[in-house]
Protein backbone atom coordinates (compact mmCIF):
# COMPACT_ATOMS: atom_id res chain seq x y z
CA MET A 1 -75.26 68.20 26.02
CA SER A 2 -74.62 71.90 24.33
CA GLU A 3 -72.23 74.29 23.09
CA PHE A 4 -71.09 77.15 25.17
CA PHE A 5 -69.36 79.90 22.97
CA LEU A 6 -68.16 83.20 24.10
CA GLU A 7 -66.26 85.79 22.22
CA LEU A 8 -64.80 89.16 23.43
CA PHE A 9 -64.35 91.95 20.87
CA SER A 10 -62.10 94.67 21.25
CA GLU A 11 -59.65 96.75 19.91
CA GLU A 12 -56.43 95.18 18.97
CA ILE A 13 -54.54 93.40 21.60
CA PRO A 14 -50.91 92.54 21.47
CA ALA A 15 -49.94 89.02 20.66
CA GLY A 16 -48.82 88.12 24.01
CA LEU A 17 -51.67 89.41 25.94
CA GLN A 18 -54.04 87.70 23.84
CA LYS A 19 -52.34 84.53 24.36
CA ASN A 20 -52.29 85.32 28.27
CA LEU A 21 -55.74 86.05 28.08
CA ARG A 22 -57.41 83.07 26.12
CA GLU A 23 -55.45 80.24 27.87
CA LYS A 24 -56.12 81.86 31.37
CA ILE A 25 -59.99 82.40 30.71
CA LEU A 26 -60.34 78.90 29.42
CA ASP A 27 -58.65 77.15 32.42
CA ASP A 28 -60.53 79.31 34.99
CA PHE A 29 -63.79 77.73 32.83
CA LYS A 30 -62.51 74.51 33.33
CA ILE A 31 -61.72 74.63 36.76
CA LEU A 32 -65.24 75.76 37.24
CA PHE A 33 -66.98 72.90 35.15
CA ASN A 34 -64.32 70.33 37.25
CA GLU A 35 -65.83 71.77 40.58
CA LYS A 36 -69.30 71.83 39.68
CA LEU A 37 -68.72 68.33 38.11
CA ILE A 38 -69.93 69.58 34.74
CA LYS A 39 -68.56 67.57 31.80
CA SER A 40 -67.62 68.53 28.54
CA LYS A 41 -66.39 66.29 25.24
CA LYS A 42 -63.88 69.09 24.15
CA SER A 43 -62.98 72.52 24.95
CA PHE A 44 -60.29 75.17 23.10
CA SER A 45 -59.53 78.70 22.72
CA LEU A 46 -58.54 80.90 19.94
CA SER A 47 -57.96 84.65 19.00
CA THR A 48 -57.31 87.13 16.54
CA PRO A 49 -55.80 90.61 17.38
CA ASN A 50 -59.54 91.51 17.83
CA ARG A 51 -60.93 88.78 18.90
CA VAL A 52 -60.69 86.04 21.91
CA VAL A 53 -62.90 83.11 21.82
CA ILE A 54 -63.79 80.27 24.17
CA VAL A 55 -65.61 77.16 23.23
CA PHE A 56 -66.93 73.80 25.05
CA GLU A 57 -68.33 71.65 23.18
CA GLU A 58 -71.39 68.75 24.51
CA LEU A 59 -71.53 70.47 27.73
CA ASP A 60 -73.70 69.27 30.49
CA LYS A 61 -77.07 70.99 30.60
CA LEU A 62 -78.11 69.93 34.41
CA ILE A 63 -75.95 69.41 37.42
CA GLU A 64 -77.06 66.94 39.80
CA ILE A 65 -76.27 68.01 43.08
CA LYS A 66 -76.69 65.28 45.70
CA SER A 67 -77.42 65.54 49.16
CA GLU A 68 -74.41 66.05 51.45
CA GLU A 69 -73.60 65.60 55.19
CA ILE A 70 -71.87 68.64 56.98
CA ARG A 71 -70.15 67.98 60.09
CA GLY A 72 -70.43 71.14 62.54
CA PRO A 73 -68.97 71.71 66.17
CA LYS A 74 -68.80 69.28 68.85
CA ILE A 75 -71.90 68.75 71.22
CA ASP A 76 -69.97 70.67 74.02
CA ALA A 77 -68.64 73.49 71.82
CA PRO A 78 -69.61 77.01 73.16
CA ASP A 79 -73.00 78.26 72.36
CA LYS A 80 -71.28 81.08 70.06
CA ALA A 81 -69.71 78.42 68.09
CA LEU A 82 -72.47 76.79 67.10
CA ASP A 83 -75.01 79.54 66.48
CA GLY A 84 -71.92 80.98 64.26
CA PHE A 85 -72.15 77.64 62.27
CA ILE A 86 -76.05 78.08 62.01
CA ARG A 87 -75.74 81.46 60.64
CA SER A 88 -72.90 80.74 58.34
CA SER A 89 -74.46 77.11 56.91
CA LYS A 90 -77.72 79.30 56.60
CA ILE A 91 -79.90 76.61 58.48
CA GLU A 92 -82.21 76.29 61.33
CA LYS A 93 -81.32 74.78 64.54
CA ASN A 94 -83.78 72.10 64.31
CA ASP A 95 -81.71 71.03 60.99
CA LEU A 96 -79.10 69.53 63.15
CA TYR A 97 -78.38 66.17 64.48
CA LYS A 98 -75.82 64.58 66.71
CA LYS A 99 -73.71 61.99 65.27
CA LYS A 100 -70.59 59.95 67.17
CA THR A 101 -67.81 59.90 65.38
CA GLU A 102 -63.94 58.58 65.66
CA LYS A 103 -63.09 61.88 66.73
CA GLY A 104 -65.83 62.31 69.15
CA GLU A 105 -69.70 63.12 68.80
CA PHE A 106 -70.57 66.45 66.60
CA TYR A 107 -73.48 68.28 65.32
CA PHE A 108 -74.20 67.78 61.69
CA TYR A 109 -76.90 68.83 59.17
CA LYS A 110 -77.93 67.29 55.52
CA THR A 111 -77.83 69.60 52.39
CA LYS A 112 -80.85 68.89 50.23
CA SER A 113 -80.35 67.58 46.61
CA LYS A 114 -80.92 69.79 43.88
CA THR A 115 -80.73 70.15 40.00
CA LEU A 116 -78.83 73.37 38.65
CA LYS A 117 -78.89 74.51 34.84
CA THR A 118 -75.77 74.95 33.70
CA HIS A 119 -76.98 78.35 31.76
CA ASP A 120 -77.66 79.59 35.03
CA LEU A 121 -74.45 78.95 36.47
CA LEU A 122 -72.60 80.53 33.61
CA VAL A 123 -75.09 83.57 33.76
CA ASP A 124 -73.29 84.33 37.66
CA PHE A 125 -69.78 82.81 36.47
CA ILE A 126 -68.91 84.67 33.35
CA PRO A 127 -68.80 88.31 34.71
CA LYS A 128 -66.96 86.74 37.64
CA ILE A 129 -64.07 85.19 35.78
CA LEU A 130 -63.74 88.29 33.43
CA GLY A 131 -63.80 90.26 36.37
CA ASN A 132 -60.90 88.17 37.84
CA TYR A 133 -58.40 88.51 35.16
CA GLN A 134 -55.25 90.19 35.84
CA TRP A 135 -53.73 91.95 32.96
CA LYS A 136 -49.94 92.60 32.84
CA LYS A 137 -50.78 95.73 31.18
CA SER A 138 -54.34 97.08 30.86
CA MET A 139 -55.92 100.56 30.39
CA LYS A 140 -59.29 102.30 30.59
CA TRP A 141 -61.06 104.71 28.17
CA GLY A 142 -64.07 107.38 28.34
CA GLU A 143 -65.88 107.53 31.23
CA PHE A 144 -66.11 103.59 31.98
CA ASP A 145 -64.48 101.72 34.97
CA LEU A 146 -63.47 98.45 33.14
CA SER A 147 -59.53 97.84 32.85
CA TRP A 148 -58.98 95.80 29.87
CA GLY A 149 -56.02 95.22 27.52
CA ARG A 150 -57.58 97.37 25.19
CA PRO A 151 -61.16 98.88 24.97
CA LEU A 152 -63.57 95.96 25.12
CA LYS A 153 -66.54 96.58 22.34
CA SER A 154 -68.89 93.42 22.89
CA ILE A 155 -69.35 90.14 24.40
CA LEU A 156 -71.44 87.21 22.59
CA SER A 157 -72.18 84.84 24.91
CA VAL A 158 -74.35 81.84 23.70
CA PHE A 159 -75.32 78.64 25.15
CA ASP A 160 -77.64 76.02 23.76
CA LYS A 161 -78.10 78.55 20.87
CA LYS A 162 -79.44 80.52 23.63
CA ILE A 163 -78.16 84.11 24.99
CA ILE A 164 -76.63 83.85 28.31
CA ASN A 165 -77.75 87.34 29.54
CA PHE A 166 -75.39 89.11 32.06
CA GLU A 167 -73.77 92.67 32.47
CA PHE A 168 -70.33 93.10 32.33
CA HIS A 169 -69.54 97.14 33.40
CA HIS A 170 -70.99 99.01 30.62
CA LEU A 171 -71.41 95.91 28.51
CA VAL A 172 -74.65 93.77 27.92
CA SER A 173 -73.92 90.32 26.33
CA SER A 174 -75.57 89.11 23.46
CA ASN A 175 -75.50 87.01 20.52
CA SER A 176 -73.90 89.20 17.79
CA THR A 177 -70.74 90.59 17.19
CA PHE A 178 -69.41 93.21 14.98
CA ILE A 179 -68.15 91.39 11.55
CA ASP A 180 -66.07 94.64 10.93
CA LYS A 181 -63.54 96.26 13.21
CA ASP A 182 -63.78 99.56 11.23
CA LEU A 183 -67.37 99.52 10.62
CA GLU A 184 -69.22 98.93 13.73
CA GLU A 185 -72.41 99.37 12.64
CA LYS A 186 -72.16 96.04 10.98
CA LYS A 187 -73.19 93.09 13.13
CA LYS A 188 -74.17 89.63 12.78
CA VAL A 189 -76.14 86.89 15.24
CA PHE A 190 -74.57 83.87 15.54
CA GLU A 191 -76.14 80.69 17.46
CA ASN A 192 -72.83 78.45 17.12
CA PHE A 193 -69.33 78.39 16.87
CA LYS A 194 -68.98 76.58 13.42
CA THR A 195 -71.33 79.09 11.94
CA TYR A 196 -69.44 81.78 13.19
CA GLN A 197 -65.85 80.03 12.20
CA LYS A 198 -67.08 79.61 8.49
CA PHE A 199 -68.82 82.97 8.18
CA PHE A 200 -65.31 84.64 9.10
CA GLU A 201 -63.25 82.28 6.87
CA LYS A 202 -65.26 83.42 4.02
CA GLN A 203 -64.39 87.12 5.13
CA GLY A 204 -60.72 86.20 4.89
CA VAL A 205 -60.84 86.38 8.98
CA ILE A 206 -58.80 82.91 10.45
CA ILE A 207 -60.33 82.71 13.99
CA ASP A 208 -57.56 79.64 14.56
CA GLN A 209 -54.01 81.15 15.28
CA GLU A 210 -52.51 77.70 14.42
CA LYS A 211 -54.25 77.46 11.32
CA ARG A 212 -53.00 81.26 10.58
CA LEU A 213 -49.73 79.90 11.27
CA LYS A 214 -49.57 76.85 8.83
CA ILE A 215 -51.48 79.40 6.12
CA ILE A 216 -48.42 82.05 6.34
CA ASN A 217 -45.55 79.67 6.50
CA SER A 218 -46.95 77.58 3.69
CA SER A 219 -47.17 80.81 1.85
CA PHE A 220 -43.53 81.80 2.60
CA LEU A 221 -42.32 78.43 1.21
CA LYS A 222 -43.85 78.97 -1.90
CA ILE A 223 -42.14 82.41 -2.27
CA LEU A 224 -38.94 81.00 -1.25
CA ASN A 225 -39.35 77.97 -3.74
CA LYS A 226 -40.35 80.44 -6.44
CA LYS A 227 -37.28 82.61 -6.14
CA LYS A 228 -35.29 79.71 -5.60
CA ILE A 229 -34.29 80.45 -1.95
CA TYR A 230 -32.92 77.25 -0.63
CA GLY A 231 -31.51 75.99 2.73
CA ASN A 232 -32.76 76.38 6.24
CA THR A 233 -35.84 77.91 5.42
CA SER A 234 -37.39 77.00 8.89
CA LEU A 235 -35.13 79.61 10.54
CA ILE A 236 -37.63 82.58 9.06
CA PHE A 237 -40.74 81.04 9.71
CA LEU A 238 -43.24 82.76 12.11
CA THR A 239 -43.87 81.28 15.57
CA PRO A 240 -47.51 80.89 16.85
CA ASN A 241 -47.11 84.13 18.55
CA GLN A 242 -46.13 85.99 15.57
CA ALA A 243 -48.92 84.67 13.42
CA LEU A 244 -51.47 85.79 15.93
CA ASN A 245 -51.37 89.40 14.51
CA TYR A 246 -51.87 88.37 10.73
CA PHE A 247 -55.16 87.67 8.93
CA ASP A 248 -57.04 89.90 11.10
CA ASP A 249 -60.36 91.67 10.38
CA THR A 250 -59.19 93.14 7.51
CA ASP A 251 -56.70 91.14 6.13
CA SER A 252 -57.24 88.60 3.36
CA MET A 253 -56.23 84.80 2.90
CA HIS A 254 -55.95 85.81 -0.68
């Protein structure tokens, strides 16, 4: 089992759009893995104004696809229906056999059992999942054809510490990301999420929006107590959405 780690780095995306993106992309990967019977121990999505992160921990490396019996037309169906079934199934006529059921006699064929690599599946499906995302508001920039919430600058995509290589419009995936939103010549390679998260915390960038919320509200409480302002102080605390846009790539925890 291995970790799947995806980061989308862009210009600053408004908090509401960040939340929609990270939740929908995570759900789409969950649906994909569920359909392919790929198990994982834990999954989550995080975001800052510039970064959206998807992580699946202890994801199966291999998928065993068992042989399956596929039913076709009835044996007395027109030749055109049988020919269409053969073409759509990408099989030969001698792959078919007849079998009686409660509903009559039908043509059947058996698929071959096979083993698929999760890495290969991700190469194919990550661009599709990203491309299918529907923004409430999006934009294009430069000569690029990509529509995104804000200009998308890089895609970090790693599975089992190896790059998941794919192209998404003008971008090519890698195992590196920008470490400063204003100095784009500064990039760093990451093989897993834990190292990535620790590195940015040292830079004062809190990737986890819930952790940012706790830090911000705790700081507010200290200020209020210092100034001896009491009462229902929870009324002025930030919501998770408001906290999304704090501690971005230039802010410090101090």
